[in-house]
Amino acid sequence: MDTDKRYLISIITAIGAFLVSALSIYLGYKLFVLGATGGFHFSSGIGGIRLDLVSVAPGLGFAFFGMIICWKALNVLISNKSEK
């Protein structure tokens, strides 16, 4: 597969990831504004960094998930561009 086709696929995938992350952040915002409550527990660890979110509003969980998707898509897009 030539590099131009790989780059195009990478960009299309990144755009899809940004759309999913934007939708997740928007829905999280709407849940937060509407005052949805409930138990939420999220824990993750990456490279020695540990993150625990406990009893956070579900809307913030959605927004956090959307930010993670956006961050990961940016990392992949930047790393693919630097390889070219």
C-alpha atoms as a PDB file:
ATOM      1  CA  MET A   1       0.000   0.000   0.000  1.00  0.00           C
ATOM      2  CA  ASP A   2       1.548   3.323  -0.943  1.00  0.00           C
ATOM      3  CA  THR A   3       2.087   6.081   1.601  1.00  0.00           C
ATOM      4  CA  ASP A   4      -0.507   8.475   0.138  1.00  0.00           C
ATOM      5  CA  LYS A   5      -3.266   5.900   0.575  1.00  0.00           C
ATOM      6  CA  ARG A   6      -2.093   5.150   4.146  1.00  0.00           C
ATOM      7  CA  TYR A   7      -2.104   8.855   4.952  1.00  0.00           C
ATOM      8  CA  LEU A   8      -5.615   9.313   3.523  1.00  0.00           C
ATOM      9  CA  ILE A   9      -6.947   6.367   5.528  1.00  0.00           C
ATOM     10  CA  SER A  10      -5.303   7.801   8.644  1.00  0.00           C
ATOM     11  CA  ILE A  11      -6.977  11.173   8.105  1.00  0.00           C
ATOM     12  CA  ILE A  12     -10.398   9.613   7.484  1.00  0.00           C
ATOM     13  CA  THR A  13     -10.050   7.508  10.632  1.00  0.00           C
ATOM     14  CA  ALA A  14      -9.011  10.570  12.651  1.00  0.00           C
ATOM     15  CA  ILE A  15     -12.013  12.545  11.379  1.00  0.00           C
ATOM     16  CA  GLY A  16     -14.292   9.673  12.417  1.00  0.00           C
ATOM     17  CA  ALA A  17     -12.666   9.570  15.851  1.00  0.00           C
ATOM     18  CA  PHE A  18     -13.102  13.327  16.253  1.00  0.00           C
ATOM     19  CA  LEU A  19     -16.787  13.051  15.324  1.00  0.00           C
ATOM     20  CA  VAL A  20     -17.328  10.285  17.895  1.00  0.00           C
ATOM     21  CA  SER A  21     -15.441  12.253  20.552  1.00  0.00           C
ATOM     22  CA  ALA A  22     -17.404  15.434  19.783  1.00  0.00           C
ATOM     23  CA  LEU A  23     -20.677  13.508  20.073  1.00  0.00           C
ATOM     24  CA  SER A  24     -19.573  11.985  23.380  1.00  0.00           C
ATOM     25  CA  ILE A  25     -18.524  15.367  24.786  1.00  0.00           C
ATOM     26  CA  TYR A  26     -21.783  16.973  23.633  1.00  0.00           C
ATOM     27  CA  LEU A  27     -23.926  14.207  25.145  1.00  0.00           C
ATOM     28  CA  GLY A  28     -21.917  14.425  28.357  1.00  0.00           C
ATOM     29  CA  TYR A  29     -22.539  18.151  28.477  1.00  0.00           C
ATOM     30  CA  LYS A  30     -26.263  17.639  27.942  1.00  0.00           C
ATOM     31  CA  LEU A  31     -26.397  15.009  30.718  1.00  0.00           C
ATOM     32  CA  PHE A  32     -24.516  17.333  33.060  1.00  0.00           C
ATOM     33  CA  VAL A  33     -26.809  20.286  32.307  1.00  0.00           C
ATOM     34  CA  LEU A  34     -29.938  18.170  32.755  1.00  0.00           C
ATOM     35  CA  GLY A  35     -28.657  17.121  36.185  1.00  0.00           C
ATOM     36  CA  ALA A  36     -28.451  13.375  35.609  1.00  0.00           C
ATOM     37  CA  THR A  37     -27.075  11.639  38.692  1.00  0.00           C
ATOM     38  CA  GLY A  38     -25.924   8.164  39.446  1.00  0.00           C
ATOM     39  CA  GLY A  39     -22.938   6.173  40.506  1.00  0.00           C
ATOM     40  CA  PHE A  40     -19.992   6.177  38.171  1.00  0.00           C
ATOM     41  CA  HIS A  41     -16.601   4.585  38.688  1.00  0.00           C
ATOM     42  CA  PHE A  42     -13.702   4.804  36.273  1.00  0.00           C
ATOM     43  CA  SER A  43     -10.120   3.786  36.929  1.00  0.00           C
ATOM     44  CA  SER A  44      -7.230   3.601  34.524  1.00  0.00           C
ATOM     45  CA  GLY A  45      -3.483   3.414  34.574  1.00  0.00           C
ATOM     46  CA  ILE A  46      -1.069   4.387  31.816  1.00  0.00           C
ATOM     47  CA  GLY A  47       2.695   4.348  32.168  1.00  0.00           C
ATOM     48  CA  GLY A  48       2.801   4.696  35.943  1.00  0.00           C
ATOM     49  CA  ILE A  49       0.015   7.279  36.049  1.00  0.00           C
ATOM     50  CA  ARG A  50      -3.140   6.116  37.828  1.00  0.00           C
ATOM     51  CA  LEU A  51      -6.503   7.836  37.421  1.00  0.00           C
ATOM     52  CA  ASP A  52      -9.601   7.096  39.532  1.00  0.00           C
ATOM     53  CA  LEU A  53     -12.927   8.881  39.117  1.00  0.00           C
ATOM     54  CA  VAL A  54     -15.547   7.837  41.648  1.00  0.00           C
ATOM     55  CA  SER A  55     -19.131   9.087  42.006  1.00  0.00           C
ATOM     56  CA  VAL A  56     -18.815  11.625  39.247  1.00  0.00           C
ATOM     57  CA  ALA A  57     -21.899  12.685  37.319  1.00  0.00           C
ATOM     58  CA  PRO A  58     -22.400  10.452  34.243  1.00  0.00           C
ATOM     59  CA  GLY A  59     -22.178  13.497  31.986  1.00  0.00           C
ATOM     60  CA  LEU A  60     -18.614  14.126  33.113  1.00  0.00           C
ATOM     61  CA  GLY A  61     -17.816  10.489  32.361  1.00  0.00           C
ATOM     62  CA  PHE A  62     -19.059  10.904  28.788  1.00  0.00           C
ATOM     63  CA  ALA A  63     -17.086  14.118  28.378  1.00  0.00           C
ATOM     64  CA  PHE A  64     -13.941  12.487  29.787  1.00  0.00           C
ATOM     65  CA  PHE A  65     -14.341   9.530  27.423  1.00  0.00           C
ATOM     66  CA  GLY A  66     -14.691  11.928  24.473  1.00  0.00           C
ATOM     67  CA  MET A  67     -11.546  13.789  25.489  1.00  0.00           C
ATOM     68  CA  ILE A  68      -9.589  10.519  25.667  1.00  0.00           C
ATOM     69  CA  ILE A  69     -10.728   9.546  22.157  1.00  0.00           C
ATOM     70  CA  CYS A  70      -9.764  12.972  20.810  1.00  0.00           C
ATOM     71  CA  TRP A  71      -6.345  12.847  22.518  1.00  0.00           C
ATOM     72  CA  LYS A  72      -5.623   9.362  21.163  1.00  0.00           C
ATOM     73  CA  ALA A  73      -6.710  10.341  17.625  1.00  0.00           C
ATOM     74  CA  LEU A  74      -4.411  13.366  17.728  1.00  0.00           C
ATOM     75  CA  ASN A  75      -1.490  11.217  18.889  1.00  0.00           C
ATOM     76  CA  VAL A  76      -2.041   8.690  16.095  1.00  0.00           C
ATOM     77  CA  LEU A  77      -2.456  11.397  13.458  1.00  0.00           C
ATOM     78  CA  ILE A  78       0.672  13.260  14.575  1.00  0.00           C
ATOM     79  CA  SER A  79       2.765  10.074  14.775  1.00  0.00           C
ATOM     80  CA  ASN A  80       1.621   9.005  11.273  1.00  0.00           C
ATOM     81  CA  LYS A  81       2.466  12.425   9.874  1.00  0.00           C
ATOM     82  CA  SER A  82       5.945  12.408  11.413  1.00  0.00           C
ATOM     83  CA  GLU A  83       6.668   8.974   9.884  1.00  0.00           C
ATOM     84  CA  LYS A  84       6.048  10.282   6.363  1.00  0.00           C
END
